[in-house]
Structures are given as C-alpha cells and as structure tokens.
Amino acid sequence: MRTGPFAPRLPRLPLSLSKRSFTQLALASTAAALAPGASALPARTLEFPRDHGAHPDYRTEWWYITGHAQVGGRQLGYQVTFFRSRVEGTHNMQSKFAARQLLFAHCAVTDVQGRKLWHDQRIAREGFGIAQASELDTDVKLRDWSLQRSAATGVYSARIQARDFAFDLRFSPTQPLLLQGSQGLSRKGPEEKQASYYYSQPQLTTSGTLSLKGERFAIGADKAAEAWLDHEWSQELLHPEAVGWDWIGMNLFDGSALMAFQLRRKDGSSLWTGGAFRATSSSGLQTFIAKRGEVAFQAIKGWTSPATAAKYPIEWLVRTPADYYTVKAVIPNQELDSRSTTGAIYWEGLSDLFDSNGKLVGRGYLEMTGYASALRI
C-alpha cells in the first residue's frame, strides 16, 4: 500500500530555486496535507484510460510496480515507484517557475543469491522537460527514468538507468484491473476522509532486460516473470494515531492474486485493515474484497537493521478470508533509506507466500513503514 510522499527534500535544484526555499515549499506541502478539514472522497466510477494518468488536483499520487524473475540460477526482484505531490502553497501560481508539483521516484533490485538490495532515488519539480506526469494516461518521466502505458496494447514500459543497475522492462496485462475497496474507493482509516482511489493490475507478465553491476539478464526469456502494479491518489490518508503500515501484494502461481494491509498504532496494534483476493476457477475470475477485521497481521520473526537499528518483522502470519498465509522475506536486508528524497526509511522487498499447509503458493512484495520512526505524510 503506497500512501504518498513523506516530506520530500531535494538535493539538487535547477532553474535558480534554492535548496532552502525548495525544501520549505515541500515541507509546507506536507503540512497542508496534514491540516484538518480535508473532505471525504466521493464514490465515483473510475474512467479509463483517463484514470491511468495523473490527478494533479489531489495532494498525493503514486504508480508502483514490483516483480520477480528467475534468470538461470539467479532469482531477482525489482520495483519502481513514481510519486507526485501537489505543493499547496504554489499550486495556484501562474508563473512557469512556480514549483506546483513535485515528482520523485524510487527503484530497487533484490539479488537473492548475492543477498543484497540495490536501490536509487530521484526528485525534481515538474516542468522544463525534467519531470512530467501526463493526465491522459500513465506517462511519468523523471529525467531518464520513465514509466509509460501503451493505449493500444495496455502494456507498461519502465526504463531506469540507476547507479548500479538498469532495466528496460515491459509489463503485459493478463487479467482485468482489480478495483480495490468499494469499486476503487479504498478506506484507509476510521474517518471517511482517510481514503484513496486505488486499483491494482496483478499477474503482469514481464519481459525485457535487467543489468546489475554490468551483468545483463534477459527477463522472461526462459522462465515466467510476474509483476504487480498499484496506482493510488488521495487527499488524506493517515489517521493521527497511525505511525505506519504493513502491505503485501502477491501473485499466486495458480493465477490468483492477494493484497492485504494494516495501518499500525505506536504500540503495534492494528488501527485499520483491508485487502482483496482474486481467485481463479473453472468459471473464471472471482474477486473478494475483505471487510474491516477480516484481515489480521501477526509478526512471527524479526530482523534488526545494522544500518538504522530499526526492527522489522520479516516473517508474518496473515489471516485473510481466503486462507491463513505465511509471508517470508527472501533475504532480511531489504531496507531502503530514502531520506534524500522522501525523508523516510522503510523496508520493501521480495517475499514468498505459503498457504496454511506450508506449501509455497506465490511470490510478491512486502512493504513496511514506520519502524525506523513514525511516518509523516
């Protein structure tokens, strides 16, 4: 569950806007997003391809793809996320130099055999050919990083050139969109204003190339590679009692798909939960949306980061209406330090899914925030 940017900061600024003034604008935007008075999002029918694109009138938005592949004897995970944040203090300014929108991105590769996570990040204000997010369809660019969707085929393309890795990947839908919550309106807390418009695209087949430290891999050439896409946009999400969340997006090997999340209080108790399960059957796909209380997370095994001393559960028992599942991280250290862009430290990594009989039934991503410090949106 991606719930927007976390107090963004910019290390390098173009076009005469100082680092200090830009940071002040970003923090002002975050403060505005936390201000009281945000209204509840109305129920609406999502319209495509329009809603694949950006929604600049909303405070936060993100496009999020995670996936995995077997390449020879190597198992790799990969993720890319593009965020958009509206700057409240400058949103209505007419000057082309006004920083009305911030765009930033995170990207990572998990090398299971090498037991290492590689990651990179970027941030810039929208405009001047540096960063852009189209309102017509998914078309997000941040310098030479991009995520685009073909209107003709529905295929997503991600092109990333990072410090230690690069990829040029295509993600092809095999199933209809999965509208989360109530037809795409997903509650994230006790108050109606804590909600997002949210849909997923599970079971994406993946092809292309991935390079890691100069070694090039052909993804999807000889073995199946699957990915998961989330797109969310919102005005307000976190309840004041929430310090972070735990989220899973899992592609099951039989074609099913599972999403589950919880928002946590400071004492670790669950403030809000949700989820969805799409099952495959002889009659086709059936989707079950979990009601509050039907999903529960129980931490089984922990890991302490040597870099930050944050303690993360890297094995969970997750109760859902479909089954009791166990989620296990493929390697412990998949912590990302994004303080140079979003101000947050969080854990996000490739994980395996086991059913109640202990059978490996799927693979996907686990994300955990608010363990190094309380999350601030």
Protein backbone atom coordinates (compact mmCIF):
# COMPACT_ATOMS: atom_id res chain seq x y z
CA MET A 1 0.00 0.00 0.00
CA ARG A 2 1.63 3.19 -1.12
CA THR A 3 0.29 6.14 0.78
CA GLY A 4 2.05 9.08 -0.77
CA PRO A 5 5.21 11.11 -0.19
CA PHE A 6 6.87 11.58 3.18
CA ALA A 7 8.18 15.17 3.48
CA PRO A 8 10.24 15.36 0.27
CA ARG A 9 13.59 17.10 0.09
CA LEU A 10 15.63 17.96 -2.97
CA PRO A 11 19.43 17.67 -3.05
CA ARG A 12 19.95 19.32 -6.44
CA LEU A 13 17.78 22.10 -7.81
CA PRO A 14 17.61 23.60 -11.32
CA LEU A 15 16.45 26.99 -12.51
CA SER A 16 17.55 29.28 -9.68
CA LEU A 17 15.31 27.86 -6.92
CA SER A 18 17.49 27.45 -3.85
CA LYS A 19 17.68 24.24 -1.89
CA ARG A 20 16.43 26.01 1.24
CA SER A 21 13.41 27.58 -0.42
CA PHE A 22 12.54 24.37 -2.24
CA THR A 23 12.67 22.36 0.98
CA GLN A 24 10.44 24.95 2.65
CA LEU A 25 7.91 24.54 -0.18
CA ALA A 26 7.99 20.78 0.13
CA LEU A 27 7.51 20.85 3.88
CA ALA A 28 4.70 23.38 3.51
CA SER A 29 3.01 20.97 1.12
CA THR A 30 3.30 18.16 3.65
CA ALA A 31 1.94 20.35 6.46
CA ALA A 32 -1.03 21.30 4.29
CA ALA A 33 -1.75 17.64 3.62
CA LEU A 34 -1.93 17.06 7.36
CA ALA A 35 -4.13 20.08 8.05
CA PRO A 36 -7.66 19.43 9.35
CA GLY A 37 -10.69 19.93 7.13
CA ALA A 38 -9.99 17.55 4.27
CA SER A 39 -13.29 16.21 2.96
CA ALA A 40 -14.19 12.61 2.24
CA LEU A 41 -13.54 11.36 -1.25
CA PRO A 42 -16.81 10.76 -3.12
CA ALA A 43 -17.65 7.40 -4.61
CA ARG A 44 -17.18 7.60 -8.37
CA THR A 45 -16.81 5.40 -11.39
CA LEU A 46 -13.18 5.23 -12.44
CA GLU A 47 -12.77 6.03 -16.12
CA PHE A 48 -10.02 4.57 -18.26
CA PRO A 49 -7.66 5.38 -19.83
CA ARG A 50 -8.07 8.79 -18.11
CA ASP A 51 -7.59 7.40 -14.60
CA HIS A 52 -4.38 5.68 -15.62
CA GLY A 53 -2.98 9.21 -15.82
CA ALA A 54 -2.09 11.82 -13.21
CA HIS A 55 -4.58 13.64 -10.97
CA PRO A 56 -2.81 16.92 -10.15
CA ASP A 57 -5.74 18.33 -8.14
CA TYR A 58 -5.14 15.65 -5.50
CA ARG A 59 -2.38 16.02 -2.94
CA THR A 60 -0.60 12.69 -3.38
CA GLU A 61 -0.34 10.03 -6.08
CA TRP A 62 1.89 7.10 -6.95
CA TRP A 63 2.42 4.41 -9.58
CA TYR A 64 4.09 1.32 -8.17
CA ILE A 65 5.38 -1.80 -9.94
CA THR A 66 7.01 -4.78 -8.22
CA GLY A 67 8.09 -8.05 -9.79
CA HIS A 68 10.38 -11.03 -9.76
CA ALA A 69 12.14 -13.31 -12.22
CA GLN A 70 14.26 -16.46 -12.39
CA VAL A 71 17.23 -15.96 -14.70
CA GLY A 72 19.39 -19.04 -14.97
CA GLY A 73 20.36 -19.79 -11.40
CA ARG A 74 19.58 -16.28 -10.20
CA GLN A 75 16.42 -15.02 -8.52
CA LEU A 76 15.83 -11.29 -8.84
CA GLY A 77 13.23 -8.89 -7.53
CA TYR A 78 12.63 -5.40 -8.86
CA GLN A 79 10.49 -2.41 -8.02
CA VAL A 80 9.96 1.11 -9.32
CA THR A 81 7.70 3.78 -7.85
CA PHE A 82 6.90 7.22 -9.20
CA PHE A 83 5.33 9.71 -6.79
CA ARG A 84 3.58 13.00 -7.45
CA SER A 85 2.95 15.57 -4.70
CA ARG A 86 0.98 18.80 -5.09
CA VAL A 87 2.60 21.81 -3.40
CA GLU A 88 -0.29 23.61 -1.75
CA GLY A 89 1.43 26.97 -1.33
CA THR A 90 2.23 27.39 -5.04
CA HIS A 91 -0.47 25.30 -6.71
CA ASN A 92 -2.45 28.28 -7.99
CA MET A 93 0.51 30.40 -9.09
CA GLN A 94 0.65 31.19 -12.81
CA SER A 95 4.41 31.58 -13.15
CA LYS A 96 6.08 28.75 -15.03
CA PHE A 97 8.83 28.88 -12.41
CA ALA A 98 6.42 28.04 -9.58
CA ALA A 99 7.03 24.57 -8.11
CA ARG A 100 3.39 23.45 -8.21
CA GLN A 101 4.08 19.70 -8.37
CA LEU A 102 6.96 17.56 -7.11
CA LEU A 103 7.86 14.29 -8.78
CA PHE A 104 10.16 11.74 -7.27
CA ALA A 105 10.96 8.08 -7.79
CA HIS A 106 12.45 5.06 -6.06
CA CYS A 107 13.86 2.00 -7.76
CA ALA A 108 15.46 -1.16 -6.38
CA VAL A 109 16.74 -4.60 -7.35
CA THR A 110 16.95 -7.54 -4.93
CA ASP A 111 19.72 -10.02 -5.74
CA VAL A 112 18.70 -13.10 -3.75
CA GLN A 113 21.84 -15.16 -4.38
CA GLY A 114 24.04 -12.15 -3.68
CA ARG A 115 21.90 -11.35 -0.60
CA LYS A 116 21.91 -7.66 -1.42
CA LEU A 117 19.45 -4.89 -2.20
CA TRP A 118 20.49 -2.24 -4.71
CA HIS A 119 18.46 0.97 -4.78
CA ASP A 120 18.44 4.51 -6.13
CA GLN A 121 16.16 7.57 -5.94
CA ARG A 122 15.43 10.88 -7.65
CA ILE A 123 13.36 14.02 -7.13
CA ALA A 124 12.57 17.19 -9.12
CA ARG A 125 9.81 19.72 -9.60
CA GLU A 126 7.56 19.21 -12.59
CA GLY A 127 8.29 21.12 -15.77
CA PHE A 128 11.05 22.26 -18.11
CA GLY A 129 11.37 18.80 -19.63
CA ILE A 130 12.91 17.46 -16.42
CA ALA A 131 9.85 15.85 -14.84
CA GLN A 132 6.29 15.33 -16.06
CA ALA A 133 3.16 13.28 -15.37
CA SER A 134 0.53 13.17 -18.12
CA GLU A 135 -3.16 13.43 -17.20
CA LEU A 136 -4.23 11.39 -20.26
CA ASP A 137 -2.66 8.03 -19.45
CA THR A 138 0.27 6.60 -17.49
CA ASP A 139 3.24 8.59 -18.75
CA VAL A 140 5.58 9.64 -15.96
CA LYS A 141 9.12 10.82 -16.53
CA LEU A 142 11.88 11.99 -14.20
CA ARG A 143 14.99 12.81 -16.18
CA ASP A 144 15.92 9.48 -17.84
CA TRP A 145 13.60 7.38 -15.66
CA SER A 146 10.16 6.68 -17.09
CA LEU A 147 7.00 4.61 -16.77
CA GLN A 148 4.59 4.63 -19.70
CA ARG A 149 1.48 2.73 -20.77
CA SER A 150 0.56 1.99 -24.37
CA ALA A 151 -3.07 2.95 -25.06
CA ALA A 152 -3.13 0.48 -27.96
CA THR A 153 -1.92 -2.62 -26.09
CA GLY A 154 -2.17 -1.76 -22.38
CA VAL A 155 1.47 -2.75 -21.94
CA TYR A 156 3.54 -0.77 -19.44
CA SER A 157 7.18 0.07 -20.13
CA ALA A 158 9.69 1.04 -17.44
CA ARG A 159 13.12 2.38 -18.30
CA ILE A 160 15.54 3.02 -15.46
CA GLN A 161 19.23 3.93 -15.51
CA ALA A 162 20.48 3.88 -11.91
CA ARG A 163 23.92 3.95 -10.35
CA ASP A 164 24.47 0.21 -10.05
CA PHE A 165 21.70 -1.25 -12.18
CA ALA A 166 19.41 -0.55 -15.10
CA PHE A 167 16.36 -2.08 -16.66
CA ASP A 168 14.20 -1.83 -19.72
CA LEU A 169 11.11 -3.89 -18.92
CA ARG A 170 7.65 -4.38 -20.37
CA PHE A 171 4.67 -5.48 -18.27
CA SER A 172 1.74 -7.06 -20.13
CA PRO A 173 -1.73 -7.47 -18.52
CA THR A 174 -3.23 -10.95 -18.38
CA GLN A 175 -6.28 -10.04 -16.26
CA PRO A 176 -8.73 -7.14 -15.88
CA LEU A 177 -7.99 -4.33 -13.44
CA LEU A 178 -8.65 -5.11 -9.80
CA LEU A 179 -10.58 -2.21 -8.23
CA GLN A 180 -9.68 -2.07 -4.54
CA GLY A 181 -12.15 -1.24 -1.77
CA SER A 182 -15.61 -0.28 -2.95
CA GLN A 183 -15.24 -0.12 -6.74
CA GLY A 184 -11.92 1.69 -6.44
CA LEU A 185 -12.59 3.78 -3.31
CA SER A 186 -10.36 2.29 -0.60
CA ARG A 187 -10.76 3.26 3.07
CA LYS A 188 -7.50 3.71 4.98
CA GLY A 189 -8.77 4.72 8.43
CA PRO A 190 -11.67 5.25 10.83
CA GLU A 191 -12.67 8.56 9.24
CA GLU A 192 -14.15 8.73 5.75
CA LYS A 193 -11.60 11.33 4.65
CA GLN A 194 -8.84 8.74 5.15
CA ALA A 195 -9.25 7.02 1.79
CA SER A 196 -7.77 6.76 -1.68
CA TYR A 197 -8.83 5.89 -5.19
CA TYR A 198 -6.94 2.65 -5.72
CA TYR A 199 -6.68 -0.06 -8.34
CA SER A 200 -4.21 -2.86 -9.00
CA GLN A 201 -3.05 -4.81 -12.02
CA PRO A 202 -1.83 -8.21 -10.78
CA GLN A 203 -0.33 -11.06 -12.81
CA LEU A 204 1.55 -8.88 -15.29
CA THR A 205 3.89 -10.94 -17.47
CA THR A 206 7.30 -9.33 -17.72
CA SER A 207 9.92 -9.24 -20.46
CA GLY A 208 12.98 -7.19 -21.28
CA THR A 209 16.44 -6.73 -19.84
CA LEU A 210 17.92 -6.00 -16.44
CA SER A 211 21.56 -5.13 -15.80
CA LEU A 212 23.21 -5.38 -12.39
CA LYS A 213 26.80 -4.18 -11.88
CA GLY A 214 27.46 -4.65 -15.58
CA GLU A 215 25.93 -8.15 -15.82
CA ARG A 216 22.98 -8.29 -18.22
CA PHE A 217 19.95 -10.56 -17.73
CA ALA A 218 17.17 -11.38 -20.17
CA ILE A 219 13.93 -11.26 -18.15
CA GLY A 220 11.15 -13.63 -19.16
CA ALA A 221 13.21 -15.29 -21.88
CA ASP A 222 13.22 -18.82 -20.49
CA LYS A 223 11.12 -18.71 -17.31
CA ALA A 224 7.97 -16.89 -16.29
CA ALA A 225 8.34 -13.47 -14.68
CA GLU A 226 5.40 -11.79 -12.98
CA ALA A 227 4.77 -8.29 -11.71
CA TRP A 228 2.15 -6.27 -9.82
CA LEU A 229 1.07 -2.67 -10.42
CA ASP A 230 -0.68 -0.32 -7.97
CA HIS A 231 -1.98 3.17 -8.73
CA GLU A 232 -3.41 5.35 -5.94
CA TRP A 233 -4.31 9.00 -5.48
CA SER A 234 -5.68 10.78 -2.45
CA GLN A 235 -6.25 13.95 -0.45
CA GLU A 236 -5.57 12.48 3.00
CA LEU A 237 -4.69 9.02 4.25
CA LEU A 238 -3.09 8.58 7.65
CA HIS A 239 -5.12 8.89 10.83
CA PRO A 240 -3.27 10.80 13.61
CA GLU A 241 -2.83 7.55 15.55
CA ALA A 242 -1.19 5.74 12.62
CA VAL A 243 2.61 5.55 12.64
CA GLY A 244 2.99 3.30 9.57
CA TRP A 245 1.65 0.31 7.70
CA ASP A 246 2.34 -3.23 6.53
CA TRP A 247 1.26 -4.25 2.99
CA ILE A 248 1.58 -7.27 0.72
CA GLY A 249 0.89 -7.67 -3.00
CA MET A 250 1.25 -11.33 -4.02
CA ASN A 251 0.88 -13.09 -7.35
CA LEU A 252 -0.04 -16.74 -6.72
CA PHE A 253 1.32 -19.40 -9.03
CA ASP A 254 -2.20 -20.58 -9.99
CA GLY A 255 -3.11 -17.10 -11.33
CA SER A 256 -4.80 -15.84 -8.16
CA ALA A 257 -3.82 -12.55 -6.53
CA LEU A 258 -3.74 -11.34 -2.92
CA MET A 259 -3.47 -7.83 -1.47
CA ALA A 260 -3.65 -7.15 2.27
CA PHE A 261 -2.65 -4.27 4.51
CA GLN A 262 -2.84 -2.92 8.03
CA LEU A 263 -2.26 0.55 9.47
CA ARG A 264 -0.49 0.39 12.86
CA ARG A 265 -0.61 2.42 16.04
CA LYS A 266 2.53 3.27 18.02
CA ASP A 267 2.03 0.25 20.28
CA GLY A 268 1.93 -2.05 17.24
CA SER A 269 -1.81 -2.70 17.37
CA SER A 270 -3.87 -2.56 14.19
CA LEU A 271 -5.80 0.65 13.52
CA TRP A 272 -7.29 -0.32 10.16
CA THR A 273 -7.10 -3.27 7.79
CA GLY A 274 -8.16 -4.13 4.28
CA GLY A 275 -7.45 -6.39 1.37
CA ALA A 276 -8.67 -8.28 -1.66
CA PHE A 277 -8.35 -11.78 -3.06
CA ARG A 278 -8.89 -12.65 -6.71
CA ALA A 279 -9.37 -16.37 -7.20
CA THR A 280 -9.11 -18.36 -10.39
CA SER A 281 -11.70 -21.05 -11.06
CA SER A 282 -13.18 -23.03 -13.93
CA SER A 283 -15.87 -20.35 -14.27
CA GLY A 284 -13.34 -17.51 -14.46
CA LEU A 285 -12.05 -14.90 -12.00
CA GLN A 286 -13.82 -14.14 -8.74
CA THR A 287 -12.86 -11.18 -6.55
CA PHE A 288 -13.47 -10.97 -2.80
CA ILE A 289 -12.99 -7.63 -1.00
CA ALA A 290 -12.14 -8.01 2.68
CA LYS A 291 -14.18 -6.07 5.22
CA ARG A 292 -12.56 -4.37 8.19
CA GLY A 293 -11.45 -7.02 10.68
CA GLU A 294 -11.29 -9.85 8.14
CA VAL A 295 -7.54 -9.30 7.67
CA ALA A 296 -5.05 -9.64 10.53
CA PHE A 297 -1.24 -9.46 10.65
CA GLN A 298 0.78 -11.32 13.28
CA ALA A 299 4.56 -10.87 13.39
CA ILE A 300 6.48 -14.17 13.63
CA LYS A 301 10.16 -13.35 13.16
CA GLY A 302 12.08 -10.10 13.38
CA TRP A 303 15.28 -8.61 11.97
CA THR A 304 17.25 -5.60 13.19
CA SER A 305 18.86 -3.35 10.59
CA PRO A 306 22.59 -2.88 11.23
CA ALA A 307 22.38 0.49 9.46
CA THR A 308 19.49 2.10 11.32
CA ALA A 309 18.76 -0.21 14.30
CA ALA A 310 15.13 -0.37 13.12
CA LYS A 311 13.42 -3.68 13.93
CA TYR A 312 11.27 -5.16 11.17
CA PRO A 313 9.12 -8.32 11.12
CA ILE A 314 10.44 -10.29 8.15
CA GLU A 315 8.02 -13.17 8.63
CA TRP A 316 4.28 -12.69 9.11
CA LEU A 317 1.19 -14.79 9.60
CA VAL A 318 -1.55 -13.03 7.60
CA ARG A 319 -5.17 -14.07 8.15
CA THR A 320 -7.46 -13.40 5.20
CA PRO A 321 -10.93 -14.64 4.18
CA ALA A 322 -9.18 -16.89 1.64
CA ASP A 323 -6.67 -18.63 3.94
CA TYR A 324 -4.08 -18.19 6.65
CA TYR A 325 -0.87 -17.30 4.82
CA THR A 326 2.75 -17.04 5.91
CA VAL A 327 4.85 -14.32 4.29
CA LYS A 328 8.64 -14.72 4.46
CA ALA A 329 11.24 -12.27 3.16
CA VAL A 330 13.64 -13.97 0.75
CA ILE A 331 16.53 -12.06 2.38
CA PRO A 332 16.36 -9.96 5.57
CA ASN A 333 18.08 -6.76 4.48
CA GLN A 334 15.76 -5.04 2.03
CA GLU A 335 15.65 -1.72 3.89
CA LEU A 336 15.59 1.48 1.83
CA ASP A 337 16.95 4.79 3.10
CA SER A 338 15.11 7.47 1.15
CA ARG A 339 15.89 10.43 3.39
CA SER A 340 17.43 12.34 0.48
CA THR A 341 14.07 12.36 -1.34
CA THR A 342 11.09 11.45 0.84
CA GLY A 343 12.61 11.76 4.28
CA ALA A 344 11.70 8.18 5.21
CA ILE A 345 13.41 4.89 5.99
CA TYR A 346 11.32 1.83 5.20
CA TRP A 347 11.52 -1.87 4.30
CA GLU A 348 10.31 -3.09 0.92
CA GLY A 349 11.32 -6.38 -0.58
CA LEU A 350 10.75 -9.63 -2.38
CA SER A 351 8.96 -12.23 -0.27
CA ASP A 352 7.49 -15.73 -0.57
CA LEU A 353 3.89 -16.71 0.22
CA PHE A 354 2.99 -20.03 1.89
CA ASP A 355 -0.52 -21.35 2.43
CA SER A 356 -1.88 -22.85 5.68
CA ASN A 357 -0.42 -26.25 4.70
CA GLY A 358 3.07 -24.79 4.43
CA LYS A 359 3.13 -25.01 0.63
CA LEU A 360 4.85 -22.28 -1.39
CA VAL A 361 1.97 -20.83 -3.43
CA GLY A 362 3.11 -17.39 -4.55
CA ARG A 363 5.66 -14.62 -4.55
CA GLY A 364 5.49 -10.85 -4.39
CA TYR A 365 6.39 -7.84 -2.27
CA LEU A 366 6.10 -6.91 1.39
CA GLU A 367 6.29 -3.26 2.40
CA MET A 368 6.68 -1.97 5.98
CA THR A 369 6.85 1.66 7.09
CA GLY A 370 7.03 3.47 10.41
CA TYR A 371 9.55 1.16 12.08
CA ALA A 372 12.61 3.45 11.97
CA SER A 373 10.41 6.39 13.04
CA ALA A 374 6.77 7.37 12.81
CA LEU A 375 5.75 8.12 9.25
CA ARG A 376 4.77 11.69 8.46
CA ILE A 377 2.71 12.44 5.32
